[in-house]
């Protein structure tokens, strides 16, 4: 099963929103040009890349939330994967980079502007399994471009996406 990269986002100043770019260079500690202001909760080898599925963003938009590409801090916006395929332990090949999902990315108040009435927990894996962004570690560094294929290299137990 394969998907596609629909968006790439970084913010050299840190924080959100992250700004669209055509390609990114990915290292083991994160994406070149993307600063992390809160390194206690973001970045580092186990949270080097943040990714979200287009279907999650569209579901939230359909619920009236003003979320958009990059507004919740994701580096990669991906589309076309089978439902319920992403979860901890899933390995992905994205362009020239290999990633392993390490954990869900818990929402925090810095992304509240992307949600009706500031309800940022609408993007909480704990409250709505699968409706989340994911953190990933980097197994092989390289470049990712808009339109690159997203290939699932293994499967794990379903995440419970609605």
Protein backbone atom coordinates (compact mmCIF):
# COMPACT_ATOMS: atom_id res chain seq x y z
CA UNK A 1 0.00 0.00 0.00
CA UNK A 2 1.37 3.40 -0.92
CA UNK A 3 0.45 6.99 -0.25
CA UNK A 4 1.80 10.35 -1.33
CA UNK A 5 3.34 13.42 0.29
CA UNK A 6 0.83 16.28 -0.03
CA UNK A 7 2.58 18.83 2.18
CA UNK A 8 5.93 19.62 3.76
CA UNK A 9 6.28 22.23 6.50
CA UNK A 10 9.03 23.85 8.56
CA UNK A 11 9.40 26.96 10.67
CA UNK A 12 12.93 28.35 11.11
CA UNK A 13 11.65 30.54 13.98
CA UNK A 14 10.05 27.58 15.76
CA UNK A 15 6.45 27.10 16.76
CA UNK A 16 3.34 27.10 14.60
CA UNK A 17 2.27 27.51 11.97
CA UNK A 18 4.92 25.71 10.00
CA UNK A 19 5.40 27.10 6.50
CA UNK A 20 5.08 25.15 3.25
CA UNK A 21 8.20 24.11 1.36
CA UNK A 22 8.70 22.00 -1.76
CA UNK A 23 11.33 19.71 -0.23
CA UNK A 24 13.02 19.06 3.09
CA UNK A 25 16.25 17.47 4.15
CA UNK A 26 15.74 15.04 7.02
CA UNK A 27 18.46 14.24 9.57
CA UNK A 28 18.29 11.99 12.62
CA UNK A 29 17.43 14.97 14.85
CA UNK A 30 14.81 16.51 12.57
CA UNK A 31 14.15 18.50 9.44
CA UNK A 32 16.69 21.06 8.27
CA UNK A 33 15.24 24.55 8.70
CA UNK A 34 12.72 23.55 11.35
CA UNK A 35 13.47 24.91 14.81
CA UNK A 36 11.97 23.40 17.96
CA UNK A 37 11.29 25.98 20.68
CA UNK A 38 10.30 23.39 23.29
CA UNK A 39 12.86 20.60 23.08
CA UNK A 40 11.45 18.96 26.18
CA UNK A 41 8.32 17.97 24.22
CA UNK A 42 9.39 18.24 20.56
CA UNK A 43 12.28 17.18 18.37
CA UNK A 44 15.23 14.93 19.07
CA UNK A 45 15.91 11.46 17.72
CA UNK A 46 12.62 9.84 18.79
CA UNK A 47 10.50 12.83 17.66
CA UNK A 48 12.55 13.94 14.65
CA UNK A 49 9.61 14.20 12.25
CA UNK A 50 5.94 14.95 12.88
CA UNK A 51 3.44 13.63 10.35
CA UNK A 52 -0.30 13.78 9.87
CA UNK A 53 -2.71 12.25 7.39
CA UNK A 54 -4.80 14.47 5.12
CA UNK A 55 -7.90 12.45 6.10
CA UNK A 56 -7.51 13.50 9.76
CA UNK A 57 -7.20 17.17 8.79
CA UNK A 58 -10.22 16.91 6.47
CA UNK A 59 -12.31 15.21 9.17
CA UNK A 60 -11.53 18.07 11.56
CA UNK A 61 -12.26 20.68 8.87
CA UNK A 62 -15.62 19.00 8.19
CA UNK A 63 -16.36 19.46 11.90
CA UNK A 64 -15.82 23.21 11.51
CA UNK A 65 -12.27 23.43 12.83
CA UNK A 66 -10.05 26.03 11.07
CA UNK A 67 -7.12 23.59 10.87
CA UNK A 68 -4.95 23.77 7.76
CA UNK A 69 -1.68 22.40 6.40
CA UNK A 70 1.14 23.13 8.85
CA UNK A 71 -1.04 24.81 11.47
CA UNK A 72 -0.63 22.01 14.00
CA UNK A 73 3.12 21.65 13.57
CA UNK A 74 3.33 18.65 11.26
CA UNK A 75 6.35 18.41 8.97
CA UNK A 76 4.75 15.89 6.61
CA UNK A 77 1.15 15.85 5.43
CA UNK A 78 0.48 12.50 3.77
CA UNK A 79 -2.46 11.09 1.84
CA UNK A 80 -3.68 7.83 0.40
CA UNK A 81 -2.74 5.28 3.03
CA UNK A 82 -5.21 2.61 4.08
CA UNK A 83 -7.26 3.53 7.18
CA UNK A 84 -5.82 2.37 10.51
CA UNK A 85 -2.37 1.58 9.10
CA UNK A 86 -0.36 4.14 11.09
CA UNK A 87 0.69 3.40 14.64
CA UNK A 88 3.71 2.94 16.86
CA UNK A 89 6.27 0.69 15.21
CA UNK A 90 5.13 1.24 11.62
CA UNK A 91 8.05 1.80 9.28
CA UNK A 92 7.67 4.07 6.28
CA UNK A 93 9.78 4.90 3.27
CA UNK A 94 9.04 8.50 2.29
CA UNK A 95 11.00 9.67 -0.72
CA UNK A 96 14.62 8.93 0.14
CA UNK A 97 14.01 8.68 3.90
CA UNK A 98 13.07 5.76 6.12
CA UNK A 99 11.04 6.55 9.26
CA UNK A 100 9.67 4.55 12.19
CA UNK A 101 6.65 5.87 14.07
CA UNK A 102 7.61 6.14 17.73
CA UNK A 103 4.53 7.65 19.40
CA UNK A 104 1.48 9.82 18.93
CA UNK A 105 2.11 13.57 19.14
CA UNK A 106 -0.05 14.78 22.05
CA UNK A 107 -1.75 18.10 21.31
CA UNK A 108 -0.91 21.20 23.33
CA UNK A 109 -2.30 24.70 23.71
CA UNK A 110 0.10 26.14 21.12
CA UNK A 111 -2.12 24.68 18.36
CA UNK A 112 -5.45 25.88 19.82
CA UNK A 113 -5.96 28.43 17.01
CA UNK A 114 -6.54 25.48 14.66
CA UNK A 115 -9.65 24.41 16.56
CA UNK A 116 -13.12 25.74 17.28
CA UNK A 117 -13.21 27.29 20.75
CA UNK A 118 -9.55 26.28 21.20
CA UNK A 119 -10.50 22.59 21.54
CA UNK A 120 -7.05 21.29 20.58
CA UNK A 121 -7.75 17.90 22.20
CA UNK A 122 -9.82 17.10 19.11
CA UNK A 123 -6.42 15.89 17.85
CA UNK A 124 -5.80 13.57 20.79
CA UNK A 125 -4.98 9.90 20.28
CA UNK A 126 -5.89 9.27 23.94
CA UNK A 127 -9.38 10.67 23.51
CA UNK A 128 -9.96 9.71 19.86
CA UNK A 129 -7.66 6.79 18.94
CA UNK A 130 -5.99 7.36 15.59
CA UNK A 131 -7.10 10.98 15.27
CA UNK A 132 -3.64 12.36 15.84
CA UNK A 133 -0.31 13.42 14.46
CA UNK A 134 2.56 10.97 14.80
CA UNK A 135 6.20 11.36 15.77
CA UNK A 136 8.82 9.35 13.92
CA UNK A 137 12.49 8.55 14.25
CA UNK A 138 14.77 8.53 11.21
CA UNK A 139 16.47 5.29 10.15
CA UNK A 140 17.94 6.66 6.93
CA UNK A 141 18.43 10.36 6.23
CA UNK A 142 17.81 12.12 2.94
CA UNK A 143 15.38 14.35 1.09
CA UNK A 144 11.60 14.35 0.79
CA UNK A 145 9.69 16.29 -1.88
CA UNK A 146 6.03 17.08 -2.48
CA UNK A 147 4.59 14.19 -4.48
CA UNK A 148 7.01 11.55 -3.17
CA UNK A 149 5.59 8.12 -2.49
CA UNK A 150 4.87 6.99 1.07
CA UNK A 151 5.39 3.26 1.36
CA UNK A 152 4.42 1.23 4.42
CA UNK A 153 7.20 -1.28 5.05
CA UNK A 154 5.49 -3.27 7.82
CA UNK A 155 2.15 -3.49 9.58
CA UNK A 156 1.26 -3.39 13.26
CA UNK A 157 -1.97 -3.64 15.23
CA UNK A 158 -4.58 -1.09 14.07
CA UNK A 159 -4.58 2.31 15.80
CA UNK A 160 -8.34 2.49 16.03
CA UNK A 161 -8.88 5.28 13.51
CA UNK A 162 -12.57 6.08 13.26
